Structures are given as structure tokens and as C-alpha cells.
Amino acid sequence: MPYRTQSSDTSEVVERLQFDHLRRMGRKERFERGLARVDESLDMMWRAFRRRFPDASPEQLHVEWVRVQFGNELAERVQDFLQCHQPANIETPFAAR
């Protein structure tokens, strides 16, 4: 069976180089790089929410995030909860950017 790359836009040579590089890294470095990618993804997500809702408070941003992830019903419940209960700190490291 011929070798097939994981991604259609990556050549076999480049993919093999990437995998070889990953194999040479230790577990700790792979884990740290994975966490860095998660942080970058969250940062991009919150920046997109900030652009989409420029005047929204951190609470409103979280409600919109819930709406996207879980739907309107839960987002409305979260919004109702936040109107009755003021959390001590709902700010995220990404929401203020």
C-alpha cells in the first residue's frame, strides 16, 4: 500500500521531515508545544469574538461562546444566571485582547 500523507496539501517529503522532527523531541517538549497550540487557538477564538462583538462585556462574550458551542437554550440560561449572580471574576486571559 503506497504512503499517503495526513493532509492533501502537504508533500510526502515534508510530512516525513515533520514526523522525524516530532520523534526526536522529548515528551515534555511535545506536550509543551501542544499546550502552546491550544493557547494560540483560544487566543484566536477570543480575538474573533472581540471583533464580532466589539462592545460586549466579558460576560456577554462568554454567553456568545456558549451560544456557539451549545446552542441558544443554554446560552439564555447562562445569561439569566449571570444577571442574578455576579461572578467574582469572569475575565479570561484572552477576552481583554
Protein backbone atom coordinates (compact mmCIF):
# COMPACT_ATOMS: atom_id res chain seq x y z
CA MET A 1 0.00 0.00 0.00
CA PRO A 2 1.54 3.35 -1.01
CA TYR A 3 2.23 6.02 1.58
CA ARG A 4 -0.47 8.71 1.87
CA THR A 5 0.09 11.99 3.65
CA GLN A 6 -2.15 13.07 6.53
CA SER A 7 -3.02 16.30 4.70
CA SER A 8 -3.66 16.65 0.98
CA ASP A 9 -1.72 19.93 0.81
CA THR A 10 1.50 18.55 2.36
CA SER A 11 4.08 16.67 0.34
CA GLU A 12 5.30 13.27 1.49
CA VAL A 13 8.86 14.58 1.92
CA VAL A 14 7.76 17.45 4.16
CA GLU A 15 5.46 15.22 6.21
CA ARG A 16 8.23 12.68 6.81
CA LEU A 17 10.53 15.51 7.94
CA GLN A 18 7.86 16.77 10.33
CA PHE A 19 7.29 13.32 11.83
CA ASP A 20 11.04 12.71 12.16
CA HIS A 21 11.36 16.03 13.98
CA LEU A 22 8.47 15.14 16.32
CA ARG A 23 10.00 11.75 17.09
CA ARG A 24 13.30 13.40 18.12
CA MET A 25 11.53 15.71 20.59
CA GLY A 26 11.04 14.51 24.12
CA ARG A 27 7.61 14.01 25.62
CA LYS A 28 7.87 17.21 27.61
CA GLU A 29 8.64 19.33 24.54
CA ARG A 30 5.82 17.72 22.52
CA PHE A 31 3.42 18.32 25.40
CA GLU A 32 4.54 21.95 25.77
CA ARG A 33 4.16 22.55 22.04
CA GLY A 34 0.69 21.04 22.14
CA LEU A 35 -0.29 23.36 25.00
CA ALA A 36 1.11 26.31 23.07
CA ARG A 37 -1.10 25.40 20.09
CA VAL A 38 -4.14 25.23 22.39
CA ASP A 39 -3.30 28.67 23.80
CA GLU A 40 -2.92 30.06 20.28
CA SER A 41 -6.27 28.59 19.28
CA LEU A 42 -8.02 30.08 22.31
CA ASP A 43 -6.37 33.42 21.66
CA MET A 44 -7.62 33.41 18.05
CA MET A 45 -11.11 32.42 19.19
CA TRP A 46 -11.38 35.25 21.74
CA ARG A 47 -9.98 37.80 19.28
CA ALA A 48 -12.62 36.70 16.75
CA PHE A 49 -15.34 37.10 19.40
CA ARG A 50 -13.97 40.55 20.28
CA ARG A 51 -14.11 41.58 16.59
CA ARG A 52 -17.61 40.18 16.19
CA PHE A 53 -18.89 41.78 19.42
CA PRO A 54 -16.62 44.82 19.94
CA ASP A 55 -18.77 46.43 22.66
CA ALA A 56 -19.52 43.22 24.57
CA SER A 57 -18.56 42.77 28.19
CA PRO A 58 -16.59 39.66 29.21
CA GLU A 59 -19.87 38.18 30.46
CA GLN A 60 -21.54 38.77 27.10
CA LEU A 61 -18.58 37.22 25.28
CA HIS A 62 -18.91 34.10 27.39
CA VAL A 63 -22.64 33.92 26.70
CA GLU A 64 -21.96 34.14 22.96
CA TRP A 65 -19.31 31.43 23.28
CA VAL A 66 -21.86 29.19 25.00
CA ARG A 67 -24.34 30.00 22.21
CA VAL A 68 -21.88 28.88 19.53
CA GLN A 69 -20.78 25.75 21.40
CA PHE A 70 -24.02 24.58 23.00
CA GLY A 71 -26.93 26.47 21.46
CA ASN A 72 -29.41 29.21 22.32
CA GLU A 73 -31.20 27.46 25.17
CA LEU A 74 -28.12 27.05 27.33
CA ALA A 75 -26.81 30.50 26.37
CA GLU A 76 -30.05 32.06 27.58
CA ARG A 77 -29.82 30.12 30.84
CA VAL A 78 -26.23 31.28 31.34
CA GLN A 79 -27.27 34.85 30.60
CA ASP A 80 -30.13 34.63 33.13
CA PHE A 81 -27.75 33.20 35.71
CA LEU A 82 -25.21 35.99 35.15
CA GLN A 83 -27.92 38.62 35.59
CA CYS A 84 -28.76 37.19 39.03
CA HIS A 85 -25.25 36.23 40.15
CA GLN A 86 -22.24 38.41 39.57
CA PRO A 87 -19.17 36.16 39.42
CA ALA A 88 -16.08 37.43 41.21
CA ASN A 89 -14.02 37.29 38.03
CA ILE A 90 -15.25 36.09 34.66
CA GLU A 91 -12.39 37.68 32.73
CA THR A 92 -10.19 35.30 30.76
CA PRO A 93 -6.64 35.93 29.67
CA PHE A 94 -7.97 36.16 26.12
CA ALA A 95 -11.19 38.19 26.49
CA ALA A 96 -9.44 41.51 27.07
CA ARG A 97 -7.35 41.34 23.90
